[in-house]
Protein backbone atom coordinates (compact mmCIF):
# COMPACT_ATOMS: atom_id res chain seq x y z
CA MET A 1 0.00 0.00 0.00
CA ARG A 2 1.05 3.60 -0.49
CA VAL A 3 0.70 6.52 1.92
CA LEU A 4 -0.44 9.74 0.29
CA TRP A 5 0.60 12.98 1.97
CA MET A 6 -2.05 15.57 1.23
CA GLU A 7 -0.85 19.13 0.61
CA GLN A 8 -2.28 20.29 3.94
CA ALA A 9 -0.43 17.48 5.77
CA GLN A 10 2.83 18.33 3.99
CA GLU A 11 2.46 21.98 5.00
CA ALA A 12 1.70 21.04 8.62
CA LEU A 13 4.74 18.76 8.68
CA SER A 14 6.91 21.51 7.24
CA GLN A 15 5.67 24.05 9.80
CA ALA A 16 6.16 21.64 12.70
CA ASN A 17 9.65 20.82 11.51
CA GLN A 18 10.55 24.48 11.09
CA PHE A 19 9.42 25.18 14.65
CA ILE A 20 11.45 22.24 15.99
CA LEU A 21 14.49 23.36 14.00
CA GLU A 22 14.30 26.92 15.33
CA GLU A 23 13.52 26.00 18.94
CA TYR A 24 15.46 22.78 19.45
CA GLY A 25 18.08 22.54 16.71
CA ARG A 26 19.08 20.43 13.75
CA LYS A 27 19.44 17.15 15.62
CA ALA A 28 15.88 17.31 16.98
CA SER A 29 14.55 18.35 13.56
CA GLU A 30 16.23 15.41 11.84
CA ALA A 31 14.98 12.99 14.50
CA PHE A 32 11.43 14.34 14.11
CA LEU A 33 11.45 13.93 10.31
CA MET A 34 12.95 10.45 10.49
CA ARG A 35 10.28 9.41 12.98
CA MET A 36 7.50 10.81 10.80
CA TYR A 37 8.71 9.00 7.69
CA LYS A 38 9.27 5.78 9.63
CA VAL A 39 5.67 5.88 10.83
CA GLY A 40 4.57 6.55 7.24
CA SER A 41 6.44 3.44 6.14
CA LEU A 42 4.85 1.41 8.95
CA LEU A 43 1.45 2.70 7.89
CA ALA A 44 2.09 1.64 4.28
CA ASP A 45 2.88 -1.89 5.48
CA ASN A 46 0.04 -1.97 8.05
CA PRO A 47 -2.80 0.18 6.70
CA ASN A 48 -5.20 -0.73 9.53
CA MET A 49 -2.96 0.51 12.33
CA GLY A 50 -4.14 3.56 14.20
CA ALA A 51 -7.51 4.49 15.60
CA LEU A 52 -10.48 5.07 13.31
CA GLU A 53 -11.40 8.74 13.15
CA PRO A 54 -14.99 9.03 14.42
CA LEU A 55 -15.48 12.48 12.87
CA LEU A 56 -14.75 11.06 9.41
CA GLU A 57 -17.01 8.00 9.59
CA GLY A 58 -19.33 7.36 6.69
CA ARG A 59 -16.89 8.51 4.02
CA SER A 60 -15.77 6.41 1.07
CA PHE A 61 -12.45 5.69 2.79
CA ALA A 62 -11.66 4.74 6.37
CA TYR A 63 -9.52 7.43 8.01
CA ARG A 64 -7.18 6.57 10.86
CA SER A 65 -5.02 8.67 13.14
CA ILE A 66 -1.68 7.96 14.74
CA VAL A 67 -0.03 9.98 17.50
CA VAL A 68 3.65 10.05 16.58
CA ASN A 69 5.19 12.20 19.30
CA ARG A 70 3.77 13.56 22.47
CA TRP A 71 5.50 16.57 23.92
CA ASP A 72 5.70 16.97 27.66
CA THR A 73 4.12 20.41 28.10
CA ARG A 74 4.83 20.43 31.83
CA ARG A 75 8.47 21.26 31.18
CA GLU A 76 10.04 24.40 29.84
CA PRO A 77 10.95 24.09 26.13
CA GLN A 78 14.60 24.93 26.77
CA GLN A 79 14.93 22.12 29.32
CA GLN A 80 13.55 19.67 26.77
CA ALA A 81 15.80 21.08 24.04
CA ASP A 82 18.90 20.56 26.18
CA GLY A 83 18.19 16.85 26.07
CA VAL A 84 18.07 16.63 22.27
CA LYS A 85 20.63 19.13 20.94
């Protein structure tokens, strides 16, 4: 199976990566992109992974969501960045 990145998803990925690059550096940015593309590859091999999106039920395709990275919002961004730069 093939994963299609819609234009809106590509733009969101680009914006998220730009933020990570500016706030946390190149190493964190590269790690983020590698993780995103790895999950895309996993999704291509396992198209039923992820939770069904209830707001998109009844459409011609089944839409699923996957949480790739959770960010600990209880910590200051700089403290988190120190661990990945």
